[in-house]
PDB file of all heavy atoms in Angstrom:
ATOM      1  N   SER A   1      -2.252  41.423 -41.910  1.00  0.00           N
ATOM      2  CA  SER A   1      -1.164  41.080 -40.997  1.00  0.00           C
ATOM      3  C   SER A   1      -1.277  39.642 -40.409  1.00  0.00           C
ATOM      4  O   SER A   1      -0.313  39.197 -39.786  1.00  0.00           O
ATOM      5  CB  SER A   1      -1.111  42.074 -39.792  1.00  0.00           C
ATOM      6  OG  SER A   1      -2.375  42.105 -39.104  1.00  0.00           O
ATOM      7  N   HIS A   2      -2.381  38.990 -40.613  1.00  0.00           N
ATOM      8  CA  HIS A   2      -2.547  37.635 -40.074  1.00  0.00           C
ATOM      9  C   HIS A   2      -2.597  36.611 -41.193  1.00  0.00           C
ATOM     10  O   HIS A   2      -1.635  36.401 -41.906  1.00  0.00           O
ATOM     11  CB  HIS A   2      -3.790  37.529 -39.186  1.00  0.00           C
ATOM     12  CG  HIS A   2      -3.539  38.073 -37.796  1.00  0.00           C
ATOM     13  ND1 HIS A   2      -3.441  37.297 -36.700  1.00  0.00           N
ATOM     14  CD2 HIS A   2      -3.385  39.347 -37.367  1.00  0.00           C
ATOM     15  CE1 HIS A   2      -3.177  38.040 -35.630  1.00  0.00           C
ATOM     16  NE2 HIS A   2      -3.165  39.280 -36.000  1.00  0.00           N
ATOM     17  N   TYR A   3      -3.758  35.993 -41.422  1.00  0.00           N
ATOM     18  CA  TYR A   3      -3.878  34.905 -42.346  1.00  0.00           C
ATOM     19  C   TYR A   3      -4.814  35.221 -43.508  1.00  0.00           C
ATOM     20  O   TYR A   3      -5.812  35.931 -43.374  1.00  0.00           O
ATOM     21  CB  TYR A   3      -4.437  33.663 -41.594  1.00  0.00           C
ATOM     22  CG  TYR A   3      -3.725  33.329 -40.356  1.00  0.00           C
ATOM     23  CD1 TYR A   3      -4.312  33.567 -39.084  1.00  0.00           C
ATOM     24  CD2 TYR A   3      -2.456  32.773 -40.345  1.00  0.00           C
ATOM     25  CE1 TYR A   3      -3.659  33.276 -37.908  1.00  0.00           C
ATOM     26  CE2 TYR A   3      -1.779  32.431 -39.188  1.00  0.00           C
ATOM     27  CZ  TYR A   3      -2.386  32.708 -37.913  1.00  0.00           C
ATOM     28  OH  TYR A   3      -1.772  32.434 -36.760  1.00  0.00           O
ATOM     29  N   GLU A   4      -4.475  34.699 -44.658  1.00  0.00           N
ATOM     30  CA  GLU A   4      -5.293  34.857 -45.832  1.00  0.00           C
ATOM     31  C   GLU A   4      -6.532  33.979 -45.706  1.00  0.00           C
ATOM     32  O   GLU A   4      -6.418  32.834 -45.178  1.00  0.00           O
ATOM     33  CB  GLU A   4      -4.501  34.441 -47.083  1.00  0.00           C
ATOM     34  CG  GLU A   4      -5.214  34.598 -48.384  1.00  0.00           C
ATOM     35  CD  GLU A   4      -4.417  34.100 -49.589  1.00  0.00           C
ATOM     36  OE1 GLU A   4      -3.203  33.805 -49.393  1.00  0.00           O
ATOM     37  OE2 GLU A   4      -5.006  34.014 -50.692  1.00  0.00           O
ATOM     38  N   GLU A   5      -7.674  34.464 -46.119  1.00  0.00           N
ATOM     39  CA  GLU A   5      -8.889  33.711 -45.994  1.00  0.00           C
ATOM     40  C   GLU A   5      -8.812  32.367 -46.737  1.00  0.00           C
ATOM     41  O   GLU A   5      -8.295  32.323 -47.868  1.00  0.00           O
ATOM     42  CB  GLU A   5     -10.090  34.498 -46.611  1.00  0.00           C
ATOM     43  CG  GLU A   5     -11.432  33.856 -46.368  1.00  0.00           C
ATOM     44  CD  GLU A   5     -12.611  34.727 -46.758  1.00  0.00           C
ATOM     45  OE1 GLU A   5     -13.034  35.579 -45.987  1.00  0.00           O
ATOM     46  OE2 GLU A   5     -13.067  34.591 -47.924  1.00  0.00           O
ATOM     47  N   GLY A   6      -9.251  31.346 -46.081  1.00  0.00           N
ATOM     48  CA  GLY A   6      -9.235  29.987 -46.672  1.00  0.00           C
ATOM     49  C   GLY A   6     -10.584  29.508 -47.050  1.00  0.00           C
ATOM     50  O   GLY A   6     -11.368  30.243 -47.648  1.00  0.00           O
ATOM     51  N   TRP A   7     -10.893  28.264 -46.672  1.00  0.00           N
ATOM     52  CA  TRP A   7     -12.170  27.659 -47.117  1.00  0.00           C
ATOM     53  C   TRP A   7     -13.359  28.275 -46.391  1.00  0.00           C
ATOM     54  O   TRP A   7     -14.487  28.252 -46.932  1.00  0.00           O
ATOM     55  CB  TRP A   7     -12.126  26.164 -46.787  1.00  0.00           C
ATOM     56  CG  TRP A   7     -12.119  25.835 -45.324  1.00  0.00           C
ATOM     57  CD1 TRP A   7     -10.970  25.616 -44.575  1.00  0.00           C
ATOM     58  CD2 TRP A   7     -13.211  25.654 -44.428  1.00  0.00           C
ATOM     59  NE1 TRP A   7     -11.298  25.332 -43.277  1.00  0.00           N
ATOM     60  CE2 TRP A   7     -12.657  25.325 -43.161  1.00  0.00           C
ATOM     61  CE3 TRP A   7     -14.579  25.693 -44.587  1.00  0.00           C
ATOM     62  CZ2 TRP A   7     -13.459  25.082 -42.023  1.00  0.00           C
ATOM     63  CZ3 TRP A   7     -15.381  25.435 -43.463  1.00  0.00           C
ATOM     64  CH2 TRP A   7     -14.800  25.160 -42.174  1.00  0.00           C
ATOM     65  N   PHE A   8     -13.123  28.973 -45.284  1.00  0.00           N
ATOM     66  CA  PHE A   8     -14.247  29.460 -44.471  1.00  0.00           C
ATOM     67  C   PHE A   8     -14.421  30.978 -44.706  1.00  0.00           C
ATOM     68  O   PHE A   8     -13.473  31.800 -44.584  1.00  0.00           O
ATOM     69  CB  PHE A   8     -13.939  29.239 -42.964  1.00  0.00           C
ATOM     70  CG  PHE A   8     -15.072  29.651 -42.073  1.00  0.00           C
ATOM     71  CD1 PHE A   8     -16.040  28.758 -41.737  1.00  0.00           C
ATOM     72  CD2 PHE A   8     -15.139  30.943 -41.568  1.00  0.00           C
ATOM     73  CE1 PHE A   8     -17.160  29.137 -40.899  1.00  0.00           C
ATOM     74  CE2 PHE A   8     -16.181  31.313 -40.736  1.00  0.00           C
ATOM     75  CZ  PHE A   8     -17.173  30.399 -40.406  1.00  0.00           C
ATOM     76  N   SER A   9     -15.652  31.364 -45.114  1.00  0.00           N
ATOM     77  CA  SER A   9     -16.015  32.770 -45.281  1.00  0.00           C
ATOM     78  C   SER A   9     -16.991  33.111 -44.159  1.00  0.00           C
ATOM     79  O   SER A   9     -18.022  32.407 -44.005  1.00  0.00           O
ATOM     80  CB  SER A   9     -16.664  32.959 -46.653  1.00  0.00           C
ATOM     81  OG  SER A   9     -17.423  34.177 -46.651  1.00  0.00           O
ATOM     82  N   TYR A  10     -16.702  34.193 -43.427  1.00  0.00           N
ATOM     83  CA  TYR A  10     -17.598  34.563 -42.305  1.00  0.00           C
ATOM     84  C   TYR A  10     -18.987  34.906 -42.816  1.00  0.00           C
ATOM     85  O   TYR A  10     -20.003  34.581 -42.188  1.00  0.00           O
ATOM     86  CB  TYR A  10     -17.015  35.748 -41.563  1.00  0.00           C
ATOM     87  CG  TYR A  10     -15.767  35.336 -40.727  1.00  0.00           C
ATOM     88  CD1 TYR A  10     -14.496  35.474 -41.287  1.00  0.00           C
ATOM     89  CD2 TYR A  10     -15.938  34.852 -39.436  1.00  0.00           C
ATOM     90  CE1 TYR A  10     -13.383  35.067 -40.559  1.00  0.00           C
ATOM     91  CE2 TYR A  10     -14.818  34.487 -38.715  1.00  0.00           C
ATOM     92  CZ  TYR A  10     -13.559  34.620 -39.269  1.00  0.00           C
ATOM     93  OH  TYR A  10     -12.438  34.232 -38.538  1.00  0.00           O
ATOM     94  N   GLU A  11     -19.043  35.538 -44.027  1.00  0.00           N
ATOM     95  CA  GLU A  11     -20.340  35.926 -44.600  1.00  0.00           C
ATOM     96  C   GLU A  11     -21.131  34.746 -45.106  1.00  0.00           C
ATOM     97  O   GLU A  11     -22.353  34.685 -44.947  1.00  0.00           O
ATOM     98  CB  GLU A  11     -20.138  36.932 -45.732  1.00  0.00           C
ATOM     99  CG  GLU A  11     -19.679  38.313 -45.272  1.00  0.00           C
ATOM    100  CD  GLU A  11     -18.232  38.424 -44.836  1.00  0.00           C
ATOM    101  OE1 GLU A  11     -17.448  37.468 -45.151  1.00  0.00           O
ATOM    102  OE2 GLU A  11     -17.819  39.450 -44.254  1.00  0.00           O
ATOM    103  N   HIS A  12     -20.461  33.774 -45.710  1.00  0.00           N
ATOM    104  CA  HIS A  12     -21.174  32.685 -46.368  1.00  0.00           C
ATOM    105  C   HIS A  12     -21.215  31.387 -45.584  1.00  0.00           C
ATOM    106  O   HIS A  12     -22.028  30.496 -45.810  1.00  0.00           O
ATOM    107  CB  HIS A  12     -20.587  32.382 -47.768  1.00  0.00           C
ATOM    108  CG  HIS A  12     -20.678  33.583 -48.698  1.00  0.00           C
ATOM    109  ND1 HIS A  12     -19.540  34.301 -49.065  1.00  0.00           N
ATOM    110  CD2 HIS A  12     -21.698  34.213 -49.263  1.00  0.00           C
ATOM    111  CE1 HIS A  12     -19.928  35.276 -49.855  1.00  0.00           C
ATOM    112  NE2 HIS A  12     -21.238  35.265 -49.983  1.00  0.00           N
ATOM    113  N   ASP A  13     -20.271  31.217 -44.643  1.00  0.00           N
ATOM    114  CA  ASP A  13     -20.171  29.996 -43.843  1.00  0.00           C
ATOM    115  C   ASP A  13     -20.375  30.255 -42.361  1.00  0.00           C
ATOM    116  O   ASP A  13     -20.514  29.317 -41.582  1.00  0.00           O
ATOM    117  CB  ASP A  13     -18.818  29.311 -44.072  1.00  0.00           C
ATOM    118  CG  ASP A  13     -18.555  29.006 -45.492  1.00  0.00           C
ATOM    119  OD1 ASP A  13     -19.354  28.264 -46.100  1.00  0.00           O
ATOM    120  OD2 ASP A  13     -17.529  29.512 -46.061  1.00  0.00           O
ATOM    121  N   GLY A  14     -20.343  31.523 -41.914  1.00  0.00           N
ATOM    122  CA  GLY A  14     -20.382  31.845 -40.540  1.00  0.00           C
ATOM    123  C   GLY A  14     -21.682  31.514 -39.845  1.00  0.00           C
ATOM    124  O   GLY A  14     -22.703  31.253 -40.518  1.00  0.00           O
ATOM    125  N   PHE A  15     -21.720  31.560 -38.530  1.00  0.00           N
ATOM    126  CA  PHE A  15     -22.845  31.156 -37.761  1.00  0.00           C
ATOM    127  C   PHE A  15     -23.603  32.313 -37.075  1.00  0.00           C
ATOM    128  O   PHE A  15     -24.239  32.130 -36.042  1.00  0.00           O
ATOM    129  CB  PHE A  15     -22.392  30.118 -36.697  1.00  0.00           C
ATOM    130  CG  PHE A  15     -21.557  29.001 -37.269  1.00  0.00           C
ATOM    131  CD1 PHE A  15     -20.219  28.948 -36.984  1.00  0.00           C
ATOM    132  CD2 PHE A  15     -22.108  28.078 -38.129  1.00  0.00           C
ATOM    133  CE1 PHE A  15     -19.415  27.926 -37.531  1.00  0.00           C
ATOM    134  CE2 PHE A  15     -21.369  27.061 -38.666  1.00  0.00           C
ATOM    135  CZ  PHE A  15     -19.996  26.966 -38.379  1.00  0.00           C
ATOM    136  N   GLY A  16     -23.379  33.520 -37.625  1.00  0.00           N
ATOM    137  CA  GLY A  16     -24.035  34.715 -37.099  1.00  0.00           C
ATOM    138  C   GLY A  16     -23.692  35.914 -37.893  1.00  0.00           C
ATOM    139  O   GLY A  16     -22.879  35.819 -38.861  1.00  0.00           O
ATOM    140  N   PRO A  17     -24.286  37.065 -37.581  1.00  0.00           N
ATOM    141  CA  PRO A  17     -24.016  38.291 -38.389  1.00  0.00           C
ATOM    142  C   PRO A  17     -22.609  38.814 -38.234  1.00  0.00           C
ATOM    143  O   PRO A  17     -22.010  38.693 -37.180  1.00  0.00           O
ATOM    144  CB  PRO A  17     -25.003  39.292 -37.809  1.00  0.00           C
ATOM    145  CG  PRO A  17     -25.280  38.798 -36.396  1.00  0.00           C
ATOM    146  CD  PRO A  17     -25.194  37.294 -36.480  1.00  0.00           C
ATOM    147  N   VAL A  18     -22.036  39.314 -39.340  1.00  0.00           N
ATOM    148  CA  VAL A  18     -20.726  39.981 -39.314  1.00  0.00           C
ATOM    149  C   VAL A  18     -20.992  41.494 -39.171  1.00  0.00           C
ATOM    150  O   VAL A  18     -21.641  42.117 -40.040  1.00  0.00           O
ATOM    151  CB  VAL A  18     -19.920  39.677 -40.600  1.00  0.00           C
ATOM    152  CG1 VAL A  18     -18.584  40.413 -40.582  1.00  0.00           C
ATOM    153  CG2 VAL A  18     -19.718  38.163 -40.726  1.00  0.00           C
ATOM    154  N   ILE A  19     -20.461  42.116 -38.123  1.00  0.00           N
ATOM    155  CA  ILE A  19     -20.799  43.532 -37.789  1.00  0.00           C
ATOM    156  C   ILE A  19     -19.471  44.300 -37.607  1.00  0.00           C
ATOM    157  O   ILE A  19     -18.555  43.762 -36.975  1.00  0.00           O
ATOM    158  CB  ILE A  19     -21.676  43.638 -36.540  1.00  0.00           C
ATOM    159  CG1 ILE A  19     -22.990  42.845 -36.768  1.00  0.00           C
ATOM    160  CG2 ILE A  19     -21.935  45.041 -36.176  1.00  0.00           C
ATOM    161  CD1 ILE A  19     -23.851  42.784 -35.517  1.00  0.00           C
ATOM    162  N   GLU A  20     -19.419  45.527 -38.115  1.00  0.00           N
ATOM    163  CA  GLU A  20     -18.170  46.274 -38.072  1.00  0.00           C
ATOM    164  C   GLU A  20     -18.180  47.422 -37.108  1.00  0.00           C
ATOM    165  O   GLU A  20     -17.126  48.089 -36.944  1.00  0.00           O
ATOM    166  CB  GLU A  20     -17.819  46.763 -39.506  1.00  0.00           C
ATOM    167  CG  GLU A  20     -17.551  45.672 -40.463  1.00  0.00           C
ATOM    168  CD  GLU A  20     -17.119  46.160 -41.823  1.00  0.00           C
ATOM    169  OE1 GLU A  20     -16.801  47.323 -41.981  1.00  0.00           O
ATOM    170  OE2 GLU A  20     -17.089  45.351 -42.768  1.00  0.00           O
ATOM    171  N   ASN A  21     -19.264  47.716 -36.446  1.00  0.00           N
ATOM    172  CA  ASN A  21     -19.260  48.820 -35.461  1.00  0.00           C
ATOM    173  C   ASN A  21     -19.977  48.460 -34.201  1.00  0.00           C
ATOM    174  O   ASN A  21     -20.904  47.637 -34.173  1.00  0.00           O
ATOM    175  CB  ASN A  21     -19.847  50.110 -36.070  1.00  0.00           C
ATOM    176  CG  ASN A  21     -21.312  50.036 -36.275  1.00  0.00           C
ATOM    177  OD1 ASN A  21     -22.127  50.227 -35.386  1.00  0.00           O
ATOM    178  ND2 ASN A  21     -21.747  49.707 -37.514  1.00  0.00           N
ATOM    179  N   LYS A  22     -19.507  49.064 -33.125  1.00  0.00           N
ATOM    180  CA  LYS A  22     -19.979  48.754 -31.801  1.00  0.00           C
ATOM    181  C   LYS A  22     -21.498  48.915 -31.629  1.00  0.00           C
ATOM    182  O   LYS A  22     -22.147  48.051 -31.035  1.00  0.00           O
ATOM    183  CB  LYS A  22     -19.264  49.618 -30.763  1.00  0.00           C
ATOM    184  CG  LYS A  22     -19.768  49.458 -29.291  1.00  0.00           C
ATOM    185  CD  LYS A  22     -19.240  50.533 -28.411  1.00  0.00           C
ATOM    186  CE  LYS A  22     -19.625  51.903 -28.783  1.00  0.00           C
ATOM    187  NZ  LYS A  22     -20.860  52.410 -28.163  1.00  0.00           N
ATOM    188  N   ASN A  23     -22.039  49.992 -32.109  1.00  0.00           N
ATOM    189  CA  ASN A  23     -23.464  50.289 -31.863  1.00  0.00           C
ATOM    190  C   ASN A  23     -24.351  49.195 -32.485  1.00  0.00           C
ATOM    191  O   ASN A  23     -25.382  48.811 -31.926  1.00  0.00           O
ATOM    192  CB  ASN A  23     -23.858  51.636 -32.450  1.00  0.00           C
ATOM    193  CG  ASN A  23     -23.229  52.749 -31.642  1.00  0.00           C
ATOM    194  OD1 ASN A  23     -22.842  52.614 -30.491  1.00  0.00           O
ATOM    195  ND2 ASN A  23     -23.070  53.950 -32.241  1.00  0.00           N
ATOM    196  N   ALA A  24     -23.946  48.703 -33.648  1.00  0.00           N
ATOM    197  CA  ALA A  24     -24.723  47.649 -34.333  1.00  0.00           C
ATOM    198  C   ALA A  24     -24.629  46.333 -33.571  1.00  0.00           C
ATOM    199  O   ALA A  24     -25.578  45.539 -33.534  1.00  0.00           O
ATOM    200  CB  ALA A  24     -24.212  47.483 -35.770  1.00  0.00           C
ATOM    201  N   VAL A  25     -23.480  46.095 -32.966  1.00  0.00           N
ATOM    202  CA  VAL A  25     -23.275  44.894 -32.106  1.00  0.00           C
ATOM    203  C   VAL A  25     -24.292  44.955 -30.948  1.00  0.00           C
ATOM    204  O   VAL A  25     -25.002  43.995 -30.651  1.00  0.00           O
ATOM    205  CB  VAL A  25     -21.857  44.760 -31.594  1.00  0.00           C
ATOM    206  CG1 VAL A  25     -21.767  43.688 -30.491  1.00  0.00           C
ATOM    207  CG2 VAL A  25     -20.922  44.486 -32.740  1.00  0.00           C
ATOM    208  N   VAL A  26     -24.291  46.077 -30.239  1.00  0.00           N
ATOM    209  CA  VAL A  26     -25.174  46.274 -29.102  1.00  0.00           C
ATOM    210  C   VAL A  26     -26.640  46.119 -29.514  1.00  0.00           C
ATOM    211  O   VAL A  26     -27.428  45.469 -28.795  1.00  0.00           O
ATOM    212  CB  VAL A  26     -24.942  47.668 -28.461  1.00  0.00           C
ATOM    213  CG1 VAL A  26     -26.005  47.948 -27.373  1.00  0.00           C
ATOM    214  CG2 VAL A  26     -23.541  47.758 -27.876  1.00  0.00           C
ATOM    215  N   ALA A  27     -27.026  46.618 -30.707  1.00  0.00           N
ATOM    216  CA  ALA A  27     -28.371  46.569 -31.174  1.00  0.00           C
ATOM    217  C   ALA A  27     -28.774  45.154 -31.533  1.00  0.00           C
ATOM    218  O   ALA A  27     -29.961  44.716 -31.391  1.00  0.00           O
ATOM    219  CB  ALA A  27     -28.559  47.439 -32.404  1.00  0.00           C
ATOM    220  N   ALA A  28     -27.822  44.290 -31.921  1.00  0.00           N
ATOM    221  CA  ALA A  28     -28.116  42.902 -32.319  1.00  0.00           C
ATOM    222  C   ALA A  28     -28.249  41.969 -31.153  1.00  0.00           C
ATOM    223  O   ALA A  28     -28.821  40.841 -31.288  1.00  0.00           O
ATOM    224  CB  ALA A  28     -27.010  42.412 -33.263  1.00  0.00           C
ATOM    225  N   ILE A  29     -27.729  42.312 -30.028  1.00  0.00           N
ATOM    226  CA  ILE A  29     -27.639  41.382 -28.879  1.00  0.00           C
ATOM    227  C   ILE A  29     -29.017  40.897 -28.362  1.00  0.00           C
ATOM    228  O   ILE A  29     -29.234  39.701 -28.212  1.00  0.00           O
ATOM    229  CB  ILE A  29     -26.825  41.980 -27.736  1.00  0.00           C
ATOM    230  CG1 ILE A  29     -25.358  42.032 -28.100  1.00  0.00           C
ATOM    231  CG2 ILE A  29     -27.030  41.279 -26.425  1.00  0.00           C
ATOM    232  CD1 ILE A  29     -24.439  42.761 -27.160  1.00  0.00           C
ATOM    233  N   PRO A  30     -30.022  41.816 -28.112  1.00  0.00           N
ATOM    234  CA  PRO A  30     -31.261  41.348 -27.507  1.00  0.00           C
ATOM    235  C   PRO A  30     -31.966  40.249 -28.316  1.00  0.00           C
ATOM    236  O   PRO A  30     -32.441  39.241 -27.745  1.00  0.00           O
ATOM    237  CB  PRO A  30     -32.121  42.603 -27.430  1.00  0.00           C
ATOM    238  CG  PRO A  30     -31.100  43.721 -27.333  1.00  0.00           C
ATOM    239  CD  PRO A  30     -29.976  43.268 -28.205  1.00  0.00           C
ATOM    240  N   ASP A  31     -32.065  40.438 -29.596  1.00  0.00           N
ATOM    241  CA  ASP A  31     -32.780  39.416 -30.417  1.00  0.00           C
ATOM    242  C   ASP A  31     -32.042  38.059 -30.401  1.00  0.00           C
ATOM    243  O   ASP A  31     -32.686  37.003 -30.224  1.00  0.00           O
ATOM    244  CB  ASP A  31     -32.861  39.915 -31.872  1.00  0.00           C
ATOM    245  CG  ASP A  31     -33.547  38.878 -32.794  1.00  0.00           C
ATOM    246  OD1 ASP A  31     -34.667  38.528 -32.508  1.00  0.00           O
ATOM    247  OD2 ASP A  31     -32.836  38.378 -33.711  1.00  0.00           O
ATOM    248  N   LEU A  32     -30.711  38.055 -30.577  1.00  0.00           N
ATOM    249  CA  LEU A  32     -29.983  36.800 -30.593  1.00  0.00           C
ATOM    250  C   LEU A  32     -29.991  36.152 -29.220  1.00  0.00           C
ATOM    251  O   LEU A  32     -30.077  34.911 -29.095  1.00  0.00           O
ATOM    252  CB  LEU A  32     -28.527  37.078 -31.050  1.00  0.00           C
ATOM    253  CG  LEU A  32     -28.369  37.382 -32.565  1.00  0.00           C
ATOM    254  CD1 LEU A  32     -26.987  37.852 -32.882  1.00  0.00           C
ATOM    255  CD2 LEU A  32     -28.769  36.178 -33.414  1.00  0.00           C
ATOM    256  N   PHE A  33     -29.874  36.927 -28.195  1.00  0.00           N
ATOM    257  CA  PHE A  33     -29.875  36.410 -26.832  1.00  0.00           C
ATOM    258  C   PHE A  33     -31.240  35.725 -26.527  1.00  0.00           C
ATOM    259  O   PHE A  33     -31.272  34.674 -25.886  1.00  0.00           O
ATOM    260  CB  PHE A  33     -29.584  37.485 -25.819  1.00  0.00           C
ATOM    261  CG  PHE A  33     -29.280  36.931 -24.452  1.00  0.00           C
ATOM    262  CD1 PHE A  33     -28.016  36.546 -24.072  1.00  0.00           C
ATOM    263  CD2 PHE A  33     -30.273  36.829 -23.488  1.00  0.00           C
ATOM    264  CE1 PHE A  33     -27.731  36.015 -22.825  1.00  0.00           C
ATOM    265  CE2 PHE A  33     -30.024  36.355 -22.225  1.00  0.00           C
ATOM    266  CZ  PHE A  33     -28.757  35.945 -21.885  1.00  0.00           C
ATOM    267  N   THR A  34     -32.326  36.354 -26.988  1.00  0.00           N
ATOM    268  CA  THR A  34     -33.649  35.826 -26.699  1.00  0.00           C
ATOM    269  C   THR A  34     -34.029  34.652 -27.568  1.00  0.00           C
ATOM    270  O   THR A  34     -34.546  33.633 -27.129  1.00  0.00           O
ATOM    271  CB  THR A  34     -34.704  36.939 -26.824  1.00  0.00           C
ATOM    272  OG1 THR A  34     -34.354  37.992 -25.920  1.00  0.00           O
ATOM    273  CG2 THR A  34     -36.118  36.451 -26.559  1.00  0.00           C
ATOM    274  N   ASN A  35     -33.780  34.795 -28.869  1.00  0.00           N
ATOM    275  CA  ASN A  35     -34.264  33.834 -29.876  1.00  0.00           C
ATOM    276  C   ASN A  35     -33.258  32.772 -30.297  1.00  0.00           C
ATOM    277  O   ASN A  35     -33.619  31.806 -30.966  1.00  0.00           O
ATOM    278  CB  ASN A  35     -34.767  34.605 -31.104  1.00  0.00           C
ATOM    279  CG  ASN A  35     -35.896  35.532 -30.730  1.00  0.00           C
ATOM    280  OD1 ASN A  35     -36.832  35.128 -29.994  1.00  0.00           O
ATOM    281  ND2 ASN A  35     -35.893  36.744 -31.245  1.00  0.00           N
ATOM    282  N   GLY A  36     -31.987  32.899 -29.999  1.00  0.00           N
ATOM    283  CA  GLY A  36     -30.988  31.918 -30.363  1.00  0.00           C
ATOM    284  C   GLY A  36     -30.596  31.896 -31.814  1.00  0.00           C
ATOM    285  O   GLY A  36     -30.866  32.847 -32.547  1.00  0.00           O
ATOM    286  N   MET A  37     -29.965  30.840 -32.233  1.00  0.00           N
ATOM    287  CA  MET A  37     -29.437  30.682 -33.585  1.00  0.00           C
ATOM    288  C   MET A  37     -30.594  30.466 -34.571  1.00  0.00           C
ATOM    289  O   MET A  37     -31.461  29.579 -34.342  1.00  0.00           O
ATOM    290  CB  MET A  37     -28.471  29.523 -33.629  1.00  0.00           C
ATOM    291  CG  MET A  37     -27.816  29.306 -35.002  1.00  0.00           C
ATOM    292  SD  MET A  37     -26.616  27.896 -34.975  1.00  0.00           S
ATOM    293  CE  MET A  37     -25.198  28.717 -34.321  1.00  0.00           C
ATOM    294  N   SER A  38     -30.567  31.151 -35.670  1.00  0.00           N
ATOM    295  CA  SER A  38     -31.632  31.010 -36.688  1.00  0.00           C
ATOM    296  C   SER A  38     -31.373  29.814 -37.572  1.00  0.00           C
ATOM    297  O   SER A  38     -30.276  29.266 -37.567  1.00  0.00           O
ATOM    298  CB  SER A  38     -31.710  32.302 -37.506  1.00  0.00           C
ATOM    299  OG  SER A  38     -30.519  32.447 -38.273  1.00  0.00           O
ATOM    300  N   GLN A  39     -32.361  29.456 -38.355  1.00  0.00           N
ATOM    301  CA  GLN A  39     -32.328  28.215 -39.169  1.00  0.00           C
ATOM    302  C   GLN A  39     -31.170  28.209 -40.158  1.00  0.00           C
ATOM    303  O   GLN A  39     -30.520  27.176 -40.348  1.00  0.00           O
ATOM    304  CB  GLN A  39     -33.678  28.017 -39.899  1.00  0.00           C
ATOM    305  CG  GLN A  39     -33.812  26.714 -40.619  1.00  0.00           C
ATOM    306  CD  GLN A  39     -33.628  25.495 -39.684  1.00  0.00           C
ATOM    307  OE1 GLN A  39     -34.113  25.528 -38.553  1.00  0.00           O
ATOM    308  NE2 GLN A  39     -33.016  24.445 -40.149  1.00  0.00           N
ATOM    309  N   ILE A  40     -30.901  29.310 -40.774  1.00  0.00           N
ATOM    310  CA  ILE A  40     -29.834  29.373 -41.786  1.00  0.00           C
ATOM    311  C   ILE A  40     -28.465  29.016 -41.156  1.00  0.00           C
ATOM    312  O   ILE A  40     -27.634  28.314 -41.790  1.00  0.00           O
ATOM    313  CB  ILE A  40     -29.757  30.751 -42.478  1.00  0.00           C
ATOM    314  CG1 ILE A  40     -28.739  30.704 -43.614  1.00  0.00           C
ATOM    315  CG2 ILE A  40     -29.467  31.895 -41.517  1.00  0.00           C
ATOM    316  CD1 ILE A  40     -28.722  31.979 -44.464  1.00  0.00           C
ATOM    317  N   TYR A  41     -28.249  29.425 -39.962  1.00  0.00           N
ATOM    318  CA  TYR A  41     -27.012  29.127 -39.290  1.00  0.00           C
ATOM    319  C   TYR A  41     -26.994  27.678 -38.761  1.00  0.00           C
ATOM    320  O   TYR A  41     -25.924  27.031 -38.736  1.00  0.00           O
ATOM    321  CB  TYR A  41     -26.755  30.079 -38.129  1.00  0.00           C
ATOM    322  CG  TYR A  41     -26.655  31.565 -38.606  1.00  0.00           C
ATOM    323  CD1 TYR A  41     -27.461  32.568 -38.082  1.00  0.00           C
ATOM    324  CD2 TYR A  41     -25.792  31.885 -39.675  1.00  0.00           C
ATOM    325  CE1 TYR A  41     -27.354  33.850 -38.492  1.00  0.00           C
ATOM    326  CE2 TYR A  41     -25.743  33.227 -40.143  1.00  0.00           C
ATOM    327  CZ  TYR A  41     -26.519  34.176 -39.553  1.00  0.00           C
ATOM    328  OH  TYR A  41     -26.455  35.464 -39.974  1.00  0.00           O
ATOM    329  N   MET A  42     -28.152  27.177 -38.345  1.00  0.00           N
ATOM    330  CA  MET A  42     -28.298  25.776 -37.955  1.00  0.00           C
ATOM    331  C   MET A  42     -27.852  24.883 -39.114  1.00  0.00           C
ATOM    332  O   MET A  42     -27.146  23.879 -38.952  1.00  0.00           O
ATOM    333  CB  MET A  42     -29.722  25.478 -37.579  1.00  0.00           C
ATOM    334  CG  MET A  42     -30.190  26.166 -36.311  1.00  0.00           C
ATOM    335  SD  MET A  42     -29.729  25.245 -34.837  1.00  0.00           S
ATOM    336  CE  MET A  42     -30.847  26.014 -33.656  1.00  0.00           C
ATOM    337  N   GLU A  43     -28.308  25.205 -40.337  1.00  0.00           N
ATOM    338  CA  GLU A  43     -27.973  24.402 -41.496  1.00  0.00           C
ATOM    339  C   GLU A  43     -26.455  24.379 -41.795  1.00  0.00           C
ATOM    340  O   GLU A  43     -25.890  23.425 -42.221  1.00  0.00           O
ATOM    341  CB  GLU A  43     -28.749  24.920 -42.728  1.00  0.00           C
ATOM    342  CG  GLU A  43     -30.274  24.648 -42.604  1.00  0.00           C
ATOM    343  CD  GLU A  43     -31.058  25.379 -43.653  1.00  0.00           C
ATOM    344  OE1 GLU A  43     -30.437  26.091 -44.496  1.00  0.00           O
ATOM    345  OE2 GLU A  43     -32.319  25.241 -43.685  1.00  0.00           O
ATOM    346  N   ARG A  44     -25.821  25.560 -41.502  1.00  0.00           N
ATOM    347  CA  ARG A  44     -24.373  25.612 -41.736  1.00  0.00           C
ATOM    348  C   ARG A  44     -23.624  24.736 -40.711  1.00  0.00           C
ATOM    349  O   ARG A  44     -22.628  24.106 -41.039  1.00  0.00           O
ATOM    350  CB  ARG A  44     -23.918  27.068 -41.631  1.00  0.00           C
ATOM    351  CG  ARG A  44     -24.417  27.961 -42.798  1.00  0.00           C
ATOM    352  CD  ARG A  44     -23.987  29.385 -42.571  1.00  0.00           C
ATOM    353  NE  ARG A  44     -24.528  30.239 -43.658  1.00  0.00           N
ATOM    354  CZ  ARG A  44     -24.333  31.521 -43.731  1.00  0.00           C
ATOM    355  NH1 ARG A  44     -23.570  32.170 -42.836  1.00  0.00           N
ATOM    356  NH2 ARG A  44     -24.842  32.250 -44.730  1.00  0.00           N
ATOM    357  N   VAL A  45     -24.109  24.714 -39.508  1.00  0.00           N
ATOM    358  CA  VAL A  45     -23.515  23.814 -38.484  1.00  0.00           C
ATOM    359  C   VAL A  45     -23.622  22.357 -38.920  1.00  0.00           C
ATOM    360  O   VAL A  45     -22.639  21.625 -38.877  1.00  0.00           O
ATOM    361  CB  VAL A  45     -24.262  23.975 -37.116  1.00  0.00           C
ATOM    362  CG1 VAL A  45     -23.782  22.935 -36.145  1.00  0.00           C
ATOM    363  CG2 VAL A  45     -24.019  25.394 -36.561  1.00  0.00           C
TER     364      VAL A  45
END
């Protein structure tokens, strides 16, 4: 209903994990909040 994917892929170009359910989002928060952006995402930036 919105836009067709262009040059940017969330999985291959994104700056963090792609998550589809609430519980997994909640589980991912403590590590990312404490440790920040990992090296692979830094390189994409």
